[in-house]
Amino acid sequence: MKNNHTLIIGGGIVGATLALKLVQNKMPVTLVDARPARDESAWQAVLGKRDARVYALSLASINLLTEVGAWQHITASKRKADYSQMQVWQLNGMGELLFGDSHDQSAAPEILGSMVEPAVIEHALWQRLHKADVSDYLTVIAGHKVVNMDWLGAQQGYRVTLDDGTAIDARLLVGADGRGSFVRQQAGIGLDTLDYNQTAICCAIQTEKPHQATARQAMLPTGTLALLPLADITDDDKANPQHWQSIVWTLPPNQALALIEEDDRFIADKLAAASHYELGAIKQIESIASFPLAAQQAKNYVADNLVLIGDAAHGVHPLAGQGLNLGMLDVKVLCEQLMHDFTRSGGTLWGSNQTLRHYERSRRPHNSLMMHSFSALNWLFAGSLAQVRPVQQIRNEAMYRVGKIKPLMRLFAKQASGI
């Protein structure tokens, strides 16, 4: 088993999930995370605050987290907000798209996914990583960065050196270390990038009206405005539930930077007006931040004895909330391909070029399609030609017609679920 060793660089959600999936198959894994280790009291201090950021987990991602034993911790924490409907509309248009069936009031609504704060998912994975049932196959190294990578040949793989001088040999090296991936850079893998020339404002808001388990997205001339349900965390929240939401508001950079300098009340009022008071006035606003928007994709996902997953491989526009879900699908496909070839070879083939190329052929075209689709949607509603009358008419008619075709709407919802 020693020759089948896997080294994962990056202990975020995607990297930790892959580690747990491989360990479930009794494959030895070392997981290196540059962030310092937290004990339970440190985790509780982080979780005691509401995070404005939220991940829109698809059913496929929820299933994967359930398989590795993390979703059970998230459910027990009650720090998730399931949603059973998605509403997409344009303020100046004639149509809207509504995913999910709310007509049968006698039946419990089927969820389309769940909104969960990043730290909640990371804490659940941390709890699983430190359970006794995974310790025989898993080594976790926290608080240390990779400073050097040497390829020793196809049979040996990589020797990785950490900032404390520790050297680790691995047949397979996995880069799960985010958009600025050190692993990707050291492997000499280039990037295709697309700067949207947009800035997103992120915050948490308490609205006058409840969100009713609905994820909303308004397509505005300046960019998208997403209102995503947040879990109720305080006693006051639970007494008056479904009023907290995460906001991602996309604007031209000059508008966003000017707005972020204003006081909280001014921003809240502008935000409510931008949504045409879909959920009434905004009573509270917290954790206001901003970040520039860009898409990127690695020119290759694999090299000899090396593979990229998650944000190290790709980053997409946040308008559909699919970034993490794409990374979780990377985990599923990579693990299945690794185990398939390992079993087929009688336990001799691990992380071979053939295996990794199969993964790349499966994931890169799909992720490319998603990235360019999100870019096209963004251009269609907020690009320089988006306000030209013929483009508006075509867009309005398309949304109206698509919204009337129920089988097509169900297909879209199924694609969004990832299953």
Protein backbone atom coordinates (compact mmCIF):
# COMPACT_ATOMS: atom_id res chain seq x y z
CA MET A 1 0.00 0.00 0.00
CA LYS A 2 2.96 2.34 0.54
CA ASN A 3 3.46 2.73 -3.22
CA ASN A 4 -0.17 3.85 -3.54
CA HIS A 5 0.33 6.89 -1.31
CA THR A 6 -1.52 10.08 -2.24
CA LEU A 7 -0.50 13.56 -1.13
CA ILE A 8 -3.21 16.26 -1.22
CA ILE A 9 -2.10 19.89 -0.98
CA GLY A 10 -4.95 22.04 0.31
CA GLY A 11 -7.26 21.13 3.19
CA GLY A 12 -10.29 23.14 2.12
CA ILE A 13 -13.67 21.60 1.34
CA VAL A 14 -12.66 19.93 -1.93
CA GLY A 15 -9.30 18.63 -0.72
CA ALA A 16 -10.69 17.31 2.58
CA THR A 17 -13.61 15.59 0.82
CA LEU A 18 -11.26 13.80 -1.58
CA ALA A 19 -9.08 12.69 1.36
CA LEU A 20 -12.09 11.17 3.12
CA LYS A 21 -13.32 9.44 -0.06
CA LEU A 22 -9.93 7.80 -0.62
CA VAL A 23 -9.60 6.81 3.03
CA GLN A 24 -13.03 5.16 2.82
CA ASN A 25 -11.49 2.94 0.14
CA LYS A 26 -8.56 2.15 2.47
CA MET A 27 -6.06 4.16 0.44
CA PRO A 28 -3.28 5.94 2.42
CA VAL A 29 -3.49 9.73 2.19
CA THR A 30 -1.48 12.65 3.57
CA LEU A 31 -3.36 15.96 3.63
CA VAL A 32 -1.33 19.18 3.95
CA ASP A 33 -3.10 22.44 4.82
CA ALA A 34 -1.24 25.73 5.13
CA ARG A 35 -3.76 27.08 7.62
CA PRO A 36 -2.99 26.56 11.33
CA ALA A 37 -4.96 23.83 13.08
CA ARG A 38 -8.02 24.88 15.11
CA ASP A 39 -9.26 23.17 18.23
CA GLU A 40 -12.97 22.93 19.01
CA SER A 41 -13.05 26.18 20.99
CA ALA A 42 -11.46 28.04 18.06
CA TRP A 43 -14.02 26.54 15.69
CA GLN A 44 -16.88 27.62 17.94
CA ALA A 45 -15.53 31.17 18.01
CA VAL A 46 -15.62 31.23 14.19
CA LEU A 47 -19.07 29.62 14.03
CA GLY A 48 -20.47 32.07 16.59
CA LYS A 49 -20.60 34.74 13.89
CA ARG A 50 -22.87 34.80 10.86
CA ASP A 51 -20.87 34.57 7.62
CA ALA A 52 -22.18 36.63 4.70
CA ARG A 53 -20.76 34.07 2.29
CA VAL A 54 -22.71 30.91 1.57
CA TYR A 55 -22.31 27.93 -0.74
CA ALA A 56 -25.32 26.76 -2.76
CA LEU A 57 -24.76 23.01 -2.40
CA SER A 58 -26.39 20.88 -5.07
CA LEU A 59 -27.96 17.51 -4.28
CA ALA A 60 -24.90 15.81 -5.79
CA SER A 61 -22.61 17.72 -3.39
CA ILE A 62 -24.90 16.92 -0.45
CA ASN A 63 -24.81 13.24 -1.41
CA LEU A 64 -21.01 13.29 -1.52
CA LEU A 65 -20.76 14.98 1.88
CA THR A 66 -23.20 12.38 3.22
CA GLU A 67 -21.03 9.54 1.86
CA VAL A 68 -17.96 10.83 3.71
CA GLY A 69 -19.94 11.36 6.93
CA ALA A 70 -19.80 15.18 7.03
CA TRP A 71 -23.36 16.10 6.09
CA GLN A 72 -24.64 14.39 9.23
CA HIS A 73 -22.67 16.91 11.32
CA ILE A 74 -24.05 19.81 9.26
CA THR A 75 -27.61 18.58 9.75
CA ALA A 76 -27.05 18.20 13.51
CA SER A 77 -25.67 21.75 13.71
CA LYS A 78 -28.85 23.16 12.08
CA ARG A 79 -26.61 25.63 10.24
CA LYS A 80 -28.08 25.01 6.79
CA ALA A 81 -30.92 26.55 4.83
CA ASP A 82 -32.58 24.15 2.41
CA TYR A 83 -34.25 25.72 -0.60
CA SER A 84 -37.07 24.22 -2.64
CA GLN A 85 -37.43 26.93 -5.28
CA MET A 86 -35.18 29.08 -7.47
CA GLN A 87 -36.53 32.29 -8.96
CA VAL A 88 -34.73 34.13 -11.76
CA TRP A 89 -36.13 37.35 -13.14
CA GLN A 90 -35.16 40.55 -14.95
CA LEU A 91 -36.55 43.81 -13.68
CA ASN A 92 -37.13 45.32 -17.11
CA GLY A 93 -38.23 42.12 -18.80
CA MET A 94 -41.47 40.30 -19.39
CA GLY A 95 -40.68 36.87 -17.97
CA GLU A 96 -39.29 34.99 -15.02
CA LEU A 97 -38.03 31.46 -14.48
CA LEU A 98 -39.26 29.58 -11.41
CA PHE A 99 -37.66 26.23 -10.61
CA GLY A 100 -39.31 23.88 -8.14
CA ASP A 101 -42.94 22.94 -7.64
CA SER A 102 -44.85 24.84 -4.98
CA HIS A 103 -48.35 24.01 -6.22
CA ASP A 104 -48.98 20.87 -4.16
CA GLN A 105 -49.33 22.29 -0.66
CA SER A 106 -50.20 18.88 0.83
CA ALA A 107 -46.80 17.36 0.02
CA ALA A 108 -43.49 18.31 1.56
CA PRO A 109 -41.52 20.28 -1.03
CA GLU A 110 -38.54 18.55 -2.60
CA ILE A 111 -35.36 20.45 -1.90
CA LEU A 112 -33.22 21.62 -4.80
CA GLY A 113 -30.18 22.13 -2.61
CA SER A 114 -28.98 23.76 0.58
CA MET A 115 -27.22 27.00 1.48
CA VAL A 116 -24.39 26.46 3.96
CA GLU A 117 -21.72 28.82 5.26
CA PRO A 118 -18.13 27.79 4.35
CA ALA A 119 -16.95 27.43 7.96
CA VAL A 120 -19.89 25.11 8.76
CA ILE A 121 -18.86 22.71 5.99
CA GLU A 122 -15.18 22.94 6.93
CA HIS A 123 -15.95 22.23 10.59
CA ALA A 124 -17.99 19.15 9.67
CA LEU A 125 -15.14 17.86 7.51
CA TRP A 126 -12.62 18.62 10.28
CA GLN A 127 -14.72 16.55 12.68
CA ARG A 128 -14.64 13.61 10.25
CA LEU A 129 -10.91 13.95 9.54
CA HIS A 130 -10.20 13.47 13.25
CA LYS A 131 -12.41 10.44 13.86
CA ALA A 132 -10.74 7.16 14.86
CA ASP A 133 -12.18 5.24 11.91
CA VAL A 134 -10.05 7.22 9.41
CA SER A 135 -6.80 7.51 11.40
CA ASP A 136 -5.27 4.25 10.08
CA TYR A 137 -5.08 5.64 6.56
CA LEU A 138 -4.96 9.42 7.00
CA THR A 139 -2.18 11.79 8.08
CA VAL A 140 -3.13 15.48 8.47
CA ILE A 141 -0.40 18.15 8.54
CA ALA A 142 -1.70 21.65 9.34
CA GLY A 143 0.05 25.00 9.53
CA HIS A 144 2.79 24.26 6.99
CA LYS A 145 3.29 25.38 3.40
CA VAL A 146 4.84 23.52 0.49
CA VAL A 147 8.08 25.23 -0.57
CA ASN A 148 9.41 22.78 -3.15
CA MET A 149 8.24 20.00 -5.48
CA ASP A 150 10.59 17.53 -7.22
CA TRP A 151 9.41 14.96 -9.74
CA LEU A 152 11.32 11.70 -9.23
CA GLY A 153 9.96 9.84 -12.25
CA ALA A 154 6.74 8.02 -13.08
CA GLN A 155 7.43 5.10 -10.71
CA GLN A 156 8.22 7.19 -7.63
CA GLY A 157 6.13 10.33 -8.24
CA TYR A 158 6.92 13.50 -6.28
CA ARG A 159 9.04 14.54 -3.33
CA VAL A 160 7.44 17.54 -1.66
CA THR A 161 9.28 19.68 0.89
CA LEU A 162 7.44 21.72 3.55
CA ASP A 163 8.54 24.96 5.16
CA ASP A 164 9.81 23.10 8.25
CA GLY A 165 12.08 20.88 6.13
CA THR A 166 9.80 17.83 6.18
CA ALA A 167 10.01 15.82 2.94
CA ILE A 168 7.10 13.67 1.77
CA ASP A 169 7.21 11.21 -1.13
CA ALA A 170 4.00 10.44 -2.99
CA ARG A 171 3.07 8.45 -6.06
CA LEU A 172 0.22 10.89 -6.74
CA LEU A 173 0.24 14.62 -5.95
CA VAL A 174 -3.14 16.41 -5.87
CA GLY A 175 -3.35 20.20 -6.11
CA ALA A 176 -6.44 21.35 -4.19
CA ASP A 177 -4.88 24.63 -3.12
CA GLY A 178 -7.23 27.17 -4.64
CA ARG A 179 -7.14 29.78 -7.39
CA GLY A 180 -3.55 30.82 -6.77
CA SER A 181 -2.43 27.16 -6.69
CA PHE A 182 1.27 26.73 -5.86
CA VAL A 183 1.06 23.17 -7.18
CA ARG A 184 -0.25 24.37 -10.54
CA GLN A 185 2.44 27.04 -10.81
CA GLN A 186 5.27 24.69 -9.89
CA ALA A 187 4.03 22.13 -12.41
CA GLY A 188 4.28 24.81 -15.12
CA ILE A 189 0.58 24.57 -16.01
CA GLY A 190 -0.76 27.78 -17.58
CA LEU A 191 -4.13 29.49 -17.13
CA ASP A 192 -6.85 30.73 -19.45
CA THR A 193 -8.37 33.77 -17.76
CA LEU A 194 -11.33 36.07 -18.32
CA ASP A 195 -11.68 39.34 -16.40
CA TYR A 196 -15.37 40.30 -16.20
CA ASN A 197 -14.54 43.89 -15.25
CA GLN A 198 -17.11 43.53 -12.46
CA THR A 199 -16.94 43.65 -8.68
CA ALA A 200 -19.21 41.73 -6.33
CA ILE A 201 -20.49 43.14 -3.05
CA CYS A 202 -21.19 40.42 -0.49
CA CYS A 203 -23.15 40.86 2.74
CA ALA A 204 -25.76 39.32 5.01
CA ILE A 205 -29.17 40.99 5.30
CA GLN A 206 -32.32 40.63 7.35
CA THR A 207 -35.37 41.37 5.22
CA GLU A 208 -38.86 42.50 6.10
CA LYS A 209 -40.45 39.49 4.35
CA PRO A 210 -39.39 35.82 4.72
CA HIS A 211 -37.46 34.16 1.90
CA GLN A 212 -39.78 31.10 1.93
CA ALA A 213 -36.95 28.68 1.10
CA THR A 214 -36.45 30.35 -2.26
CA ALA A 215 -33.11 31.28 -3.84
CA ARG A 216 -33.59 34.43 -5.90
CA GLN A 217 -31.54 36.00 -8.66
CA ALA A 218 -32.36 39.28 -10.37
CA MET A 219 -30.68 39.95 -13.72
CA LEU A 220 -30.00 43.68 -13.63
CA PRO A 221 -28.42 45.91 -16.30
CA THR A 222 -25.43 46.41 -13.98
CA GLY A 223 -25.03 42.67 -13.22
CA THR A 224 -26.70 39.94 -11.19
CA LEU A 225 -28.18 40.33 -7.70
CA ALA A 226 -28.49 37.05 -5.78
CA LEU A 227 -30.53 36.68 -2.57
CA LEU A 228 -29.71 33.33 -1.00
CA PRO A 229 -31.34 31.92 2.18
CA LEU A 230 -29.18 31.80 5.31
CA ALA A 231 -29.64 29.55 8.34
CA ASP A 232 -31.21 31.06 11.45
CA ILE A 233 -28.57 30.97 14.18
CA THR A 234 -29.86 33.03 17.14
CA ASP A 235 -32.94 32.49 19.31
CA ASP A 236 -34.43 35.68 17.85
CA ASP A 237 -33.83 34.37 14.32
CA LYS A 238 -35.55 31.08 15.12
CA ALA A 239 -38.53 32.85 16.67
CA ASN A 240 -39.02 34.74 13.39
CA PRO A 241 -37.43 32.40 10.82
CA GLN A 242 -36.44 32.77 7.18
CA HIS A 243 -35.52 36.45 7.21
CA TRP A 244 -31.71 36.27 6.86
CA GLN A 245 -30.08 36.02 3.45
CA SER A 246 -26.68 36.15 1.80
CA ILE A 247 -26.27 38.76 -0.92
CA VAL A 248 -23.95 38.70 -3.93
CA TRP A 249 -24.49 41.94 -5.87
CA THR A 250 -22.48 42.33 -9.07
CA LEU A 251 -21.68 45.88 -10.22
CA PRO A 252 -19.22 47.75 -12.43
CA PRO A 253 -16.05 48.27 -10.34
CA ASN A 254 -16.40 52.06 -10.02
CA GLN A 255 -19.99 51.75 -8.74
CA ALA A 256 -19.12 48.96 -6.32
CA LEU A 257 -16.08 50.75 -4.88
CA ALA A 258 -18.05 53.97 -4.42
CA LEU A 259 -20.93 52.17 -2.74
CA ILE A 260 -18.72 50.21 -0.35
CA GLU A 261 -17.47 53.52 1.09
CA GLU A 262 -20.98 54.53 2.16
CA ASP A 263 -22.51 53.77 5.57
CA ASP A 264 -24.42 50.53 6.19
CA ARG A 265 -27.88 52.11 6.10
CA PHE A 266 -27.22 53.74 2.74
CA ILE A 267 -26.01 50.43 1.26
CA ALA A 268 -29.05 48.58 2.67
CA ASP A 269 -31.47 51.07 1.15
CA LYS A 270 -29.74 50.96 -2.24
CA LEU A 271 -29.80 47.17 -2.15
CA ALA A 272 -33.52 47.02 -1.33
CA ALA A 273 -34.26 49.44 -4.16
CA ALA A 274 -32.14 47.43 -6.62
CA SER A 275 -34.25 44.34 -5.85
CA HIS A 276 -37.44 46.41 -6.32
CA TYR A 277 -38.25 45.53 -2.69
CA GLU A 278 -38.85 41.88 -3.63
CA LEU A 279 -38.64 41.02 0.09
CA GLY A 280 -39.52 44.43 1.46
CA ALA A 281 -37.15 46.73 3.31
CA ILE A 282 -33.81 45.59 4.70
CA LYS A 283 -33.85 45.76 8.51
CA GLN A 284 -30.22 44.80 9.20
CA ILE A 285 -27.04 44.41 7.16
CA GLU A 286 -23.79 42.73 8.26
CA SER A 287 -20.33 41.70 7.05
CA ILE A 288 -20.10 43.90 3.96
CA ALA A 289 -17.17 43.04 1.68
CA SER A 290 -16.25 43.21 -2.00
CA PHE A 291 -14.13 41.22 -4.45
CA PRO A 292 -13.32 41.43 -8.20
CA LEU A 293 -14.84 38.84 -10.54
CA ALA A 294 -12.87 36.75 -13.02
CA ALA A 295 -13.04 33.28 -14.50
CA GLN A 296 -10.05 31.03 -15.02
CA GLN A 297 -9.25 27.51 -16.12
CA ALA A 298 -6.00 25.55 -16.09
CA LYS A 299 -4.80 24.70 -19.59
CA ASN A 300 -4.29 21.15 -18.33
CA TYR A 301 -5.74 19.43 -15.28
CA VAL A 302 -3.03 16.77 -15.14
CA ALA A 303 0.70 16.13 -15.58
CA ASP A 304 2.83 13.06 -14.76
CA ASN A 305 1.82 11.92 -11.25
CA LEU A 306 -0.07 15.18 -10.67
CA VAL A 307 -3.72 16.27 -10.86
CA LEU A 308 -5.62 19.49 -10.14
CA ILE A 309 -9.10 19.66 -8.61
CA GLY A 310 -11.51 22.40 -7.53
CA ASP A 311 -10.43 26.04 -7.76
CA ALA A 312 -6.85 25.00 -8.57
CA ALA A 313 -8.27 23.71 -11.87
CA HIS A 314 -11.12 26.15 -12.56
CA GLY A 315 -12.98 29.19 -11.26
CA VAL A 316 -16.31 30.40 -12.65
CA HIS A 317 -18.62 33.41 -12.38
CA PRO A 318 -20.67 33.18 -9.14
CA LEU A 319 -24.00 33.98 -10.85
CA ALA A 320 -25.20 30.34 -10.74
CA GLY A 321 -23.47 29.38 -7.48
CA GLN A 322 -21.87 26.33 -9.10
CA GLY A 323 -18.17 26.87 -8.28
CA LEU A 324 -17.93 24.52 -5.31
CA ASN A 325 -20.33 22.02 -6.91
CA LEU A 326 -18.01 21.70 -9.92
CA GLY A 327 -15.13 20.99 -7.54
CA MET A 328 -17.14 18.34 -5.72
CA LEU A 329 -17.90 16.66 -9.05
CA ASP A 330 -14.12 16.67 -9.69
CA VAL A 331 -13.71 14.72 -6.43
CA LYS A 332 -16.37 12.17 -7.37
CA VAL A 333 -15.03 11.52 -10.87
CA LEU A 334 -11.36 11.42 -9.84
CA CYS A 335 -11.96 9.01 -6.95
CA GLU A 336 -14.08 6.71 -9.11
CA GLN A 337 -11.45 6.66 -11.87
CA LEU A 338 -8.57 6.04 -9.46
CA MET A 339 -10.36 3.15 -7.75
CA HIS A 340 -11.62 1.67 -11.03
CA ASP A 341 -8.10 1.46 -12.51
CA PHE A 342 -6.59 0.30 -9.21
CA THR A 343 -9.07 -2.56 -8.94
CA ARG A 344 -8.82 -3.48 -12.63
CA SER A 345 -5.02 -3.66 -12.39
CA GLY A 346 -5.07 -5.98 -9.39
CA GLY A 347 -3.82 -3.27 -7.05
CA THR A 348 -0.79 -2.18 -9.08
CA LEU A 349 -1.99 0.91 -10.98
CA TRP A 350 -2.35 4.15 -9.01
CA GLY A 351 -2.46 7.65 -10.44
CA SER A 352 -1.13 6.56 -13.81
CA ASN A 353 -1.10 8.87 -16.81
CA GLN A 354 -3.95 6.89 -18.33
CA THR A 355 -6.08 7.24 -15.21
CA LEU A 356 -5.47 10.97 -14.90
CA ARG A 357 -6.16 11.62 -18.59
CA HIS A 358 -9.52 9.85 -18.24
CA TYR A 359 -10.36 12.25 -15.41
CA GLU A 360 -9.28 15.27 -17.45
CA ARG A 361 -11.30 14.20 -20.49
CA SER A 362 -14.37 13.81 -18.30
CA ARG A 363 -14.11 17.01 -16.31
CA ARG A 364 -12.36 19.71 -18.33
CA PRO A 365 -14.86 19.91 -21.24
CA HIS A 366 -17.78 19.94 -18.79
CA ASN A 367 -16.21 22.68 -16.67
CA SER A 368 -15.34 24.66 -19.82
CA LEU A 369 -18.95 24.49 -20.94
CA MET A 370 -20.18 25.68 -17.57
CA MET A 371 -17.63 28.52 -17.43
CA HIS A 372 -18.49 29.80 -20.91
CA SER A 373 -22.23 29.38 -20.31
CA PHE A 374 -22.04 31.56 -17.19
CA SER A 375 -19.95 34.09 -19.12
CA ALA A 376 -22.52 34.16 -21.93
CA LEU A 377 -25.40 34.65 -19.48
CA ASN A 378 -23.52 37.45 -17.78
CA TRP A 379 -22.87 39.14 -21.15
CA LEU A 380 -26.47 38.65 -22.23
CA PHE A 381 -27.82 40.58 -19.24
CA ALA A 382 -24.98 42.92 -18.22
CA GLY A 383 -22.62 43.17 -21.20
CA SER A 384 -22.07 46.23 -23.35
CA LEU A 385 -24.71 45.11 -25.85
CA ALA A 386 -27.20 43.88 -23.26
CA GLN A 387 -29.28 47.07 -23.36
CA VAL A 388 -29.56 47.23 -27.16
CA ARG A 389 -33.27 46.97 -27.98
CA PRO A 390 -33.09 43.88 -30.29
CA VAL A 391 -31.02 41.99 -27.69
CA GLN A 392 -33.53 42.93 -24.98
CA GLN A 393 -36.47 41.75 -27.10
CA ILE A 394 -34.86 38.40 -27.91
CA ARG A 395 -33.86 37.89 -24.27
CA ASN A 396 -37.30 38.78 -22.93
CA GLU A 397 -39.09 36.51 -25.37
CA ALA A 398 -36.68 33.64 -24.66
CA MET A 399 -37.21 33.86 -20.89
CA TYR A 400 -40.97 34.02 -21.35
CA ARG A 401 -41.05 31.00 -23.69
CA VAL A 402 -38.65 28.87 -21.65
CA GLY A 403 -40.65 29.56 -18.48
CA LYS A 404 -43.75 28.09 -20.14
CA ILE A 405 -42.06 24.77 -21.08
CA LYS A 406 -42.36 22.67 -17.92
CA PRO A 407 -40.30 19.65 -19.11
CA LEU A 408 -37.45 22.00 -20.03
CA MET A 409 -37.66 23.71 -16.65
CA ARG A 410 -37.49 20.31 -14.93
CA LEU A 411 -34.43 19.45 -17.04
CA PHE A 412 -32.72 22.69 -15.99
CA ALA A 413 -33.48 21.95 -12.34
CA LYS A 414 -32.07 18.42 -12.71
CA GLN A 415 -28.88 19.80 -14.26
CA ALA A 416 -28.51 22.26 -11.39
CA SER A 417 -28.87 19.42 -8.86
CA GLY A 418 -25.85 17.64 -10.37
CA ILE A 419 -27.47 14.20 -10.20
